[in-house]
Amino acid sequence: MQLLLLLLLLLHYTQGHITVMKTGH
């Protein structure tokens, strides 16, 4: 499903963004 793929991509991007914020970079 296209929507599921989009949601998975968004989750991956969000998780990476949170990691960046946590490390302070």
Protein backbone atom coordinates (compact mmCIF):
# COMPACT_ATOMS: atom_id res chain seq x y z
CA MET A 1 0.00 0.00 0.00
CA GLN A 2 1.29 3.48 -0.89
CA LEU A 3 0.01 5.05 2.34
CA LEU A 4 1.80 2.48 4.48
CA LEU A 5 5.08 3.12 2.66
CA LEU A 6 4.68 6.87 3.13
CA LEU A 7 3.95 6.43 6.83
CA LEU A 8 7.00 4.20 7.25
CA LEU A 9 9.18 6.77 5.50
CA LEU A 10 7.80 9.55 7.70
CA LEU A 11 8.47 7.49 10.82
CA HIS A 12 12.04 6.81 9.70
CA TYR A 13 12.65 10.52 9.02
CA THR A 14 11.10 11.57 12.33
CA GLN A 15 13.18 9.06 14.29
CA GLY A 16 16.36 10.28 12.59
CA HIS A 17 15.43 13.91 13.27
CA ILE A 18 14.82 13.13 16.96
CA THR A 19 18.20 11.39 17.16
CA VAL A 20 19.89 14.47 15.70
CA MET A 21 18.15 16.71 18.24
CA LYS A 22 19.16 14.40 21.11
CA THR A 23 22.83 14.38 20.08
CA GLY A 24 22.79 18.15 19.71
CA HIS A 25 23.92 18.18 16.08
